[in-house]
């Protein structure tokens, strides 16, 4: 995904004096329209931004905080560059939550497990297995793993996880899905079953989720992050 700007997984609806934003977890937050006082704020709620830095004193964090305070962004996505320890990232997510204006931002992270995880043993969190490994162990084990994962994400102060992957494992030499074991299966019913477990575990911790990728990374021959 792009390093700086992502389309936020929000739908936008102005009706009956309410601005309602819904995400794929089924969780919806409705904000009084008076909280959005300018077009910049209205459009900004459709955008999620990345940022540089990992502490309140860093220039990138200050700039991101300014955008949040003004209501000019719908959320922030944290990358590895923003996380050094469990204590540090909790401090940073609290900072953004505390200084949000009338619109609480999404605080998002890419935490699938396997090769795609930002909360790692190196910065004080548990190692998470790949989707392929989880699907080989059964739904009960999946629920245990994803419940623990969602708990760690929530404790770090995040309210949005950019997962699960619902691509089908249709090409074993696919460089970004198949080779990294990010898909549960080539069978869509199996993928749906484990994606549901992932989503439900996160809902229990009040964490939104986003199904990805569309139209489907699993059948591609190349990594579309790098080529078209």
C-alpha atoms as a PDB file:
ATOM      1  CA  UNK A   1       0.000   0.000   0.000  1.00  0.00           C
ATOM      2  CA  UNK A   2       1.196   3.591  -0.544  1.00  0.00           C
ATOM      3  CA  UNK A   3       3.579   4.949   2.063  1.00  0.00           C
ATOM      4  CA  UNK A   4       1.743   8.182   2.722  1.00  0.00           C
ATOM      5  CA  UNK A   5      -1.861   8.203   1.629  1.00  0.00           C
ATOM      6  CA  UNK A   6      -4.517   5.545   1.681  1.00  0.00           C
ATOM      7  CA  UNK A   7      -8.170   5.762   0.867  1.00  0.00           C
ATOM      8  CA  UNK A   8      -9.820   5.241   4.210  1.00  0.00           C
ATOM      9  CA  UNK A   9     -12.262   2.361   4.444  1.00  0.00           C
ATOM     10  CA  UNK A  10     -15.157   4.687   5.160  1.00  0.00           C
ATOM     11  CA  UNK A  11     -18.384   5.328   3.352  1.00  0.00           C
ATOM     12  CA  UNK A  12     -19.639   8.892   3.606  1.00  0.00           C
ATOM     13  CA  UNK A  13     -23.292   9.827   4.043  1.00  0.00           C
ATOM     14  CA  UNK A  14     -24.852  13.139   4.971  1.00  0.00           C
ATOM     15  CA  UNK A  15     -28.448  12.664   6.057  1.00  0.00           C
ATOM     16  CA  UNK A  16     -30.715  13.914   8.824  1.00  0.00           C
ATOM     17  CA  UNK A  17     -27.966  16.074  10.241  1.00  0.00           C
ATOM     18  CA  UNK A  18     -25.573  13.154  10.688  1.00  0.00           C
ATOM     19  CA  UNK A  19     -22.265  12.208   9.141  1.00  0.00           C
ATOM     20  CA  UNK A  20     -22.073   8.417   9.358  1.00  0.00           C
ATOM     21  CA  UNK A  21     -18.922   6.483   8.625  1.00  0.00           C
ATOM     22  CA  UNK A  22     -19.112   2.709   8.312  1.00  0.00           C
ATOM     23  CA  UNK A  23     -16.277   0.219   8.106  1.00  0.00           C
ATOM     24  CA  UNK A  24     -16.101  -3.436   7.131  1.00  0.00           C
ATOM     25  CA  UNK A  25     -16.219  -4.680  10.701  1.00  0.00           C
ATOM     26  CA  UNK A  26     -19.877  -3.742  10.788  1.00  0.00           C
ATOM     27  CA  UNK A  27     -19.055  -1.077  13.357  1.00  0.00           C
ATOM     28  CA  UNK A  28     -20.467   2.361  12.541  1.00  0.00           C
ATOM     29  CA  UNK A  29     -19.682   5.685  14.142  1.00  0.00           C
ATOM     30  CA  UNK A  30     -22.138   8.514  13.623  1.00  0.00           C
ATOM     31  CA  UNK A  31     -20.901  12.032  14.160  1.00  0.00           C
ATOM     32  CA  UNK A  32     -23.061  15.105  14.372  1.00  0.00           C
ATOM     33  CA  UNK A  33     -22.666  17.109  11.206  1.00  0.00           C
ATOM     34  CA  UNK A  34     -21.817  20.209  13.245  1.00  0.00           C
ATOM     35  CA  UNK A  35     -18.505  18.485  14.087  1.00  0.00           C
ATOM     36  CA  UNK A  36     -17.557  18.942  10.424  1.00  0.00           C
ATOM     37  CA  UNK A  37     -17.403  22.672   9.812  1.00  0.00           C
ATOM     38  CA  UNK A  38     -15.571  22.958   6.494  1.00  0.00           C
ATOM     39  CA  UNK A  39     -15.146  21.163   3.145  1.00  0.00           C
ATOM     40  CA  UNK A  40     -11.541  20.393   4.110  1.00  0.00           C
ATOM     41  CA  UNK A  41     -12.781  18.465   7.133  1.00  0.00           C
ATOM     42  CA  UNK A  42     -15.533  16.761   5.167  1.00  0.00           C
ATOM     43  CA  UNK A  43     -13.186  15.521   2.445  1.00  0.00           C
ATOM     44  CA  UNK A  44     -10.375  14.888   4.889  1.00  0.00           C
ATOM     45  CA  UNK A  45     -12.461  12.256   6.636  1.00  0.00           C
ATOM     46  CA  UNK A  46     -12.139  10.112   3.501  1.00  0.00           C
ATOM     47  CA  UNK A  47      -8.361  10.039   3.719  1.00  0.00           C
ATOM     48  CA  UNK A  48      -6.005   8.064   5.916  1.00  0.00           C
ATOM     49  CA  UNK A  49      -2.405   9.255   6.103  1.00  0.00           C
ATOM     50  CA  UNK A  50       0.923   7.742   7.002  1.00  0.00           C
ATOM     51  CA  UNK A  51       3.552   9.748   8.836  1.00  0.00           C
ATOM     52  CA  UNK A  52       7.195   9.706   9.871  1.00  0.00           C
ATOM     53  CA  UNK A  53       8.543   9.644  13.396  1.00  0.00           C
ATOM     54  CA  UNK A  54       7.813   7.705  16.548  1.00  0.00           C
ATOM     55  CA  UNK A  55       7.685  10.336  19.306  1.00  0.00           C
ATOM     56  CA  UNK A  56       5.769  13.523  20.059  1.00  0.00           C
ATOM     57  CA  UNK A  57       8.909  15.599  19.478  1.00  0.00           C
ATOM     58  CA  UNK A  58       9.404  14.349  15.899  1.00  0.00           C
ATOM     59  CA  UNK A  59       8.442  16.677  13.047  1.00  0.00           C
ATOM     60  CA  UNK A  60       6.351  14.069  11.232  1.00  0.00           C
ATOM     61  CA  UNK A  61       4.348  13.294  14.360  1.00  0.00           C
ATOM     62  CA  UNK A  62       3.737  16.996  14.996  1.00  0.00           C
ATOM     63  CA  UNK A  63       2.446  17.465  11.456  1.00  0.00           C
ATOM     64  CA  UNK A  64       0.177  14.414  11.693  1.00  0.00           C
ATOM     65  CA  UNK A  65      -1.112  15.608  15.059  1.00  0.00           C
ATOM     66  CA  UNK A  66      -1.943  18.989  13.521  1.00  0.00           C
ATOM     67  CA  UNK A  67      -4.001  17.271  10.811  1.00  0.00           C
ATOM     68  CA  UNK A  68      -5.869  15.228  13.417  1.00  0.00           C
ATOM     69  CA  UNK A  69      -6.562  18.233  15.643  1.00  0.00           C
ATOM     70  CA  UNK A  70      -7.994  20.188  12.705  1.00  0.00           C
ATOM     71  CA  UNK A  71     -10.131  17.237  11.576  1.00  0.00           C
ATOM     72  CA  UNK A  72      -8.338  17.155   8.222  1.00  0.00           C
ATOM     73  CA  UNK A  73      -7.743  13.404   8.195  1.00  0.00           C
ATOM     74  CA  UNK A  74      -9.968  10.422   8.861  1.00  0.00           C
ATOM     75  CA  UNK A  75      -7.154   8.425  10.370  1.00  0.00           C
ATOM     76  CA  UNK A  76      -3.517   7.458  10.627  1.00  0.00           C
ATOM     77  CA  UNK A  77      -1.818   4.261   9.549  1.00  0.00           C
ATOM     78  CA  UNK A  78       1.230   3.162  11.526  1.00  0.00           C
ATOM     79  CA  UNK A  79       4.175   1.468   9.822  1.00  0.00           C
ATOM     80  CA  UNK A  80       7.277  -0.153  11.256  1.00  0.00           C
ATOM     81  CA  UNK A  81       9.037   3.216  11.285  1.00  0.00           C
ATOM     82  CA  UNK A  82       6.485   4.481  13.828  1.00  0.00           C
ATOM     83  CA  UNK A  83       6.890   1.640  16.344  1.00  0.00           C
ATOM     84  CA  UNK A  84       9.874   0.961  18.592  1.00  0.00           C
ATOM     85  CA  UNK A  85       8.294  -0.637  21.689  1.00  0.00           C
ATOM     86  CA  UNK A  86       4.958  -1.500  23.256  1.00  0.00           C
ATOM     87  CA  UNK A  87       5.214   1.417  25.685  1.00  0.00           C
ATOM     88  CA  UNK A  88       6.202   3.860  22.949  1.00  0.00           C
ATOM     89  CA  UNK A  89       3.379   2.972  20.564  1.00  0.00           C
ATOM     90  CA  UNK A  90       0.772   3.120  23.353  1.00  0.00           C
ATOM     91  CA  UNK A  91       2.026   6.606  24.172  1.00  0.00           C
ATOM     92  CA  UNK A  92       1.731   7.647  20.534  1.00  0.00           C
ATOM     93  CA  UNK A  93      -1.777   6.289  19.974  1.00  0.00           C
ATOM     94  CA  UNK A  94      -2.904   7.965  23.218  1.00  0.00           C
ATOM     95  CA  UNK A  95      -1.434  11.237  21.990  1.00  0.00           C
ATOM     96  CA  UNK A  96      -3.465  11.178  18.779  1.00  0.00           C
ATOM     97  CA  UNK A  97      -6.641  10.105  20.580  1.00  0.00           C
ATOM     98  CA  UNK A  98      -6.264  12.778  23.252  1.00  0.00           C
ATOM     99  CA  UNK A  99      -5.780  15.623  20.800  1.00  0.00           C
ATOM    100  CA  UNK A 100      -8.449  14.648  18.294  1.00  0.00           C
ATOM    101  CA  UNK A 101     -11.060  17.319  17.735  1.00  0.00           C
ATOM    102  CA  UNK A 102     -14.737  16.464  17.494  1.00  0.00           C
ATOM    103  CA  UNK A 103     -13.981  13.549  15.181  1.00  0.00           C
ATOM    104  CA  UNK A 104     -12.145  10.548  16.616  1.00  0.00           C
ATOM    105  CA  UNK A 105      -9.616   9.236  14.060  1.00  0.00           C
ATOM    106  CA  UNK A 106      -9.045   5.696  12.955  1.00  0.00           C
ATOM    107  CA  UNK A 107      -5.694   4.496  14.269  1.00  0.00           C
ATOM    108  CA  UNK A 108      -4.784   1.713  11.879  1.00  0.00           C
ATOM    109  CA  UNK A 109      -2.147  -0.952  11.515  1.00  0.00           C
ATOM    110  CA  UNK A 110      -1.313  -3.753   9.084  1.00  0.00           C
ATOM    111  CA  UNK A 111      -1.272  -6.794  11.355  1.00  0.00           C
ATOM    112  CA  UNK A 112      -2.062  -9.936   9.359  1.00  0.00           C
ATOM    113  CA  UNK A 113       0.614 -12.221  10.756  1.00  0.00           C
ATOM    114  CA  UNK A 114       3.522 -13.862   8.981  1.00  0.00           C
ATOM    115  CA  UNK A 115       5.469 -11.451   6.783  1.00  0.00           C
ATOM    116  CA  UNK A 116       2.938  -8.672   7.203  1.00  0.00           C
ATOM    117  CA  UNK A 117       3.022  -7.490  10.791  1.00  0.00           C
ATOM    118  CA  UNK A 118       4.081  -4.270  12.470  1.00  0.00           C
ATOM    119  CA  UNK A 119       3.756  -5.426  16.084  1.00  0.00           C
ATOM    120  CA  UNK A 120       6.638  -7.874  16.315  1.00  0.00           C
ATOM    121  CA  UNK A 121       8.719  -9.594  18.994  1.00  0.00           C
ATOM    122  CA  UNK A 122      11.430  -7.051  18.205  1.00  0.00           C
ATOM    123  CA  UNK A 123       9.217  -4.244  19.521  1.00  0.00           C
ATOM    124  CA  UNK A 124       7.602  -6.140  22.370  1.00  0.00           C
ATOM    125  CA  UNK A 125       4.687  -8.064  20.867  1.00  0.00           C
ATOM    126  CA  UNK A 126       3.909 -11.682  19.981  1.00  0.00           C
ATOM    127  CA  UNK A 127       4.890 -13.347  16.722  1.00  0.00           C
ATOM    128  CA  UNK A 128       1.798 -14.100  14.630  1.00  0.00           C
ATOM    129  CA  UNK A 129       1.657 -17.044  12.177  1.00  0.00           C
ATOM    130  CA  UNK A 130       0.675 -16.879   8.516  1.00  0.00           C
ATOM    131  CA  UNK A 131      -2.881 -17.281   7.265  1.00  0.00           C
ATOM    132  CA  UNK A 132      -1.909 -20.507   5.520  1.00  0.00           C
ATOM    133  CA  UNK A 133      -0.555 -21.995   8.756  1.00  0.00           C
ATOM    134  CA  UNK A 134      -3.639 -20.933  10.706  1.00  0.00           C
ATOM    135  CA  UNK A 135      -6.002 -22.546   8.180  1.00  0.00           C
ATOM    136  CA  UNK A 136      -4.067 -25.798   8.535  1.00  0.00           C
ATOM    137  CA  UNK A 137      -4.754 -25.873  12.284  1.00  0.00           C
ATOM    138  CA  UNK A 138      -8.534 -25.465  12.267  1.00  0.00           C
ATOM    139  CA  UNK A 139     -11.078 -22.831  13.322  1.00  0.00           C
ATOM    140  CA  UNK A 140     -10.672 -23.393  17.070  1.00  0.00           C
ATOM    141  CA  UNK A 141      -6.958 -22.636  16.920  1.00  0.00           C
ATOM    142  CA  UNK A 142      -7.674 -19.684  14.643  1.00  0.00           C
ATOM    143  CA  UNK A 143     -10.037 -18.190  17.208  1.00  0.00           C
ATOM    144  CA  UNK A 144      -7.387 -18.491  19.916  1.00  0.00           C
ATOM    145  CA  UNK A 145      -4.719 -16.869  17.775  1.00  0.00           C
ATOM    146  CA  UNK A 146      -6.877 -14.038  16.484  1.00  0.00           C
ATOM    147  CA  UNK A 147      -8.314 -13.313  19.918  1.00  0.00           C
ATOM    148  CA  UNK A 148      -4.794 -12.887  21.261  1.00  0.00           C
ATOM    149  CA  UNK A 149      -3.806 -10.791  18.240  1.00  0.00           C
ATOM    150  CA  UNK A 150      -6.811  -8.481  18.605  1.00  0.00           C
ATOM    151  CA  UNK A 151      -6.088  -8.108  22.314  1.00  0.00           C
ATOM    152  CA  UNK A 152      -2.538  -6.945  21.638  1.00  0.00           C
ATOM    153  CA  UNK A 153      -3.712  -4.551  18.936  1.00  0.00           C
ATOM    154  CA  UNK A 154      -6.314  -3.053  21.263  1.00  0.00           C
ATOM    155  CA  UNK A 155      -3.839  -2.759  24.137  1.00  0.00           C
ATOM    156  CA  UNK A 156      -1.519  -0.808  21.842  1.00  0.00           C
ATOM    157  CA  UNK A 157      -4.310   1.704  21.225  1.00  0.00           C
ATOM    158  CA  UNK A 158      -5.348   0.789  17.690  1.00  0.00           C
ATOM    159  CA  UNK A 159      -8.983   0.637  16.567  1.00  0.00           C
ATOM    160  CA  UNK A 160      -8.516  -0.532  12.966  1.00  0.00           C
ATOM    161  CA  UNK A 161      -6.608  -3.526  11.580  1.00  0.00           C
ATOM    162  CA  UNK A 162      -6.036  -3.627   7.821  1.00  0.00           C
ATOM    163  CA  UNK A 163      -6.962  -7.266   7.361  1.00  0.00           C
ATOM    164  CA  UNK A 164      -7.925 -10.024   6.829  1.00  0.00           C
ATOM    165  CA  UNK A 165      -6.654 -11.113   3.423  1.00  0.00           C
ATOM    166  CA  UNK A 166      -9.448 -12.728   1.415  1.00  0.00           C
ATOM    167  CA  UNK A 167      -7.477 -13.365  -1.777  1.00  0.00           C
ATOM    168  CA  UNK A 168      -7.623 -16.917  -3.081  1.00  0.00           C
ATOM    169  CA  UNK A 169      -4.344 -18.818  -3.250  1.00  0.00           C
ATOM    170  CA  UNK A 170      -4.641 -19.459  -6.984  1.00  0.00           C
ATOM    171  CA  UNK A 171      -1.006 -19.134  -8.042  1.00  0.00           C
ATOM    172  CA  UNK A 172       1.746 -20.691  -5.930  1.00  0.00           C
ATOM    173  CA  UNK A 173       4.426 -18.506  -7.510  1.00  0.00           C
ATOM    174  CA  UNK A 174       2.512 -15.306  -6.818  1.00  0.00           C
ATOM    175  CA  UNK A 175       5.202 -13.096  -5.228  1.00  0.00           C
ATOM    176  CA  UNK A 176       3.016 -11.167  -2.818  1.00  0.00           C
ATOM    177  CA  UNK A 177       0.292 -13.622  -1.694  1.00  0.00           C
ATOM    178  CA  UNK A 178       1.080 -17.256  -2.534  1.00  0.00           C
ATOM    179  CA  UNK A 179       4.794 -17.205  -1.788  1.00  0.00           C
ATOM    180  CA  UNK A 180       4.231 -15.302   1.455  1.00  0.00           C
ATOM    181  CA  UNK A 181       1.448 -17.691   2.556  1.00  0.00           C
ATOM    182  CA  UNK A 182      -0.933 -14.802   3.136  1.00  0.00           C
ATOM    183  CA  UNK A 183      -4.021 -16.601   1.797  1.00  0.00           C
ATOM    184  CA  UNK A 184      -5.986 -19.168   3.787  1.00  0.00           C
ATOM    185  CA  UNK A 185      -6.794 -21.336   0.788  1.00  0.00           C
ATOM    186  CA  UNK A 186      -7.692 -21.564  -2.896  1.00  0.00           C
ATOM    187  CA  UNK A 187     -11.194 -22.576  -1.759  1.00  0.00           C
ATOM    188  CA  UNK A 188     -13.428 -19.498  -1.301  1.00  0.00           C
ATOM    189  CA  UNK A 189     -15.498 -21.191   1.402  1.00  0.00           C
ATOM    190  CA  UNK A 190     -12.398 -21.876   3.485  1.00  0.00           C
ATOM    191  CA  UNK A 191     -11.217 -18.303   3.003  1.00  0.00           C
ATOM    192  CA  UNK A 192     -14.614 -16.960   4.070  1.00  0.00           C
ATOM    193  CA  UNK A 193     -14.650 -19.184   7.170  1.00  0.00           C
ATOM    194  CA  UNK A 194     -11.288 -18.015   8.480  1.00  0.00           C
ATOM    195  CA  UNK A 195     -11.832 -14.403   7.503  1.00  0.00           C
ATOM    196  CA  UNK A 196     -15.002 -14.479   9.595  1.00  0.00           C
ATOM    197  CA  UNK A 197     -13.046 -15.799  12.583  1.00  0.00           C
ATOM    198  CA  UNK A 198     -10.522 -12.975  12.139  1.00  0.00           C
ATOM    199  CA  UNK A 199     -13.251 -10.327  11.940  1.00  0.00           C
ATOM    200  CA  UNK A 200     -15.255 -11.621  14.904  1.00  0.00           C
ATOM    201  CA  UNK A 201     -12.170 -11.736  17.136  1.00  0.00           C
ATOM    202  CA  UNK A 202     -11.472  -8.107  16.306  1.00  0.00           C
ATOM    203  CA  UNK A 203     -15.078  -7.026  16.780  1.00  0.00           C
ATOM    204  CA  UNK A 204     -14.972  -8.380  20.305  1.00  0.00           C
ATOM    205  CA  UNK A 205     -12.155  -5.910  21.001  1.00  0.00           C
ATOM    206  CA  UNK A 206     -13.966  -3.069  19.169  1.00  0.00           C
ATOM    207  CA  UNK A 207     -11.444  -3.071  16.330  1.00  0.00           C
ATOM    208  CA  UNK A 208     -12.589  -2.378  12.767  1.00  0.00           C
ATOM    209  CA  UNK A 209     -11.294  -4.534   9.923  1.00  0.00           C
ATOM    210  CA  UNK A 210     -10.921  -4.269   6.147  1.00  0.00           C
ATOM    211  CA  UNK A 211     -11.200  -7.118   3.662  1.00  0.00           C
ATOM    212  CA  UNK A 212      -8.387  -7.088   1.120  1.00  0.00           C
ATOM    213  CA  UNK A 213      -7.365  -7.152  -1.720  1.00  0.00           C
ATOM    214  CA  UNK A 214      -9.595  -6.270  -4.642  1.00  0.00           C
ATOM    215  CA  UNK A 215      -9.941  -7.256  -7.444  1.00  0.00           C
ATOM    216  CA  UNK A 216      -7.679 -10.036  -6.178  1.00  0.00           C
ATOM    217  CA  UNK A 217      -3.964 -10.254  -5.566  1.00  0.00           C
ATOM    218  CA  UNK A 218      -3.959 -14.049  -5.383  1.00  0.00           C
ATOM    219  CA  UNK A 219      -4.144 -14.687  -9.122  1.00  0.00           C
ATOM    220  CA  UNK A 220      -1.618 -12.045 -10.180  1.00  0.00           C
ATOM    221  CA  UNK A 221       1.782 -12.882 -11.638  1.00  0.00           C
ATOM    222  CA  UNK A 222       3.464  -9.791 -10.243  1.00  0.00           C
ATOM    223  CA  UNK A 223       3.409  -7.644  -7.125  1.00  0.00           C
ATOM    224  CA  UNK A 224       1.056  -4.783  -7.992  1.00  0.00           C
ATOM    225  CA  UNK A 225       2.705  -2.644  -5.305  1.00  0.00           C
ATOM    226  CA  UNK A 226       5.655  -2.456  -7.687  1.00  0.00           C
ATOM    227  CA  UNK A 227       4.140  -2.786 -11.170  1.00  0.00           C
ATOM    228  CA  UNK A 228       0.877  -2.493 -13.079  1.00  0.00           C
END
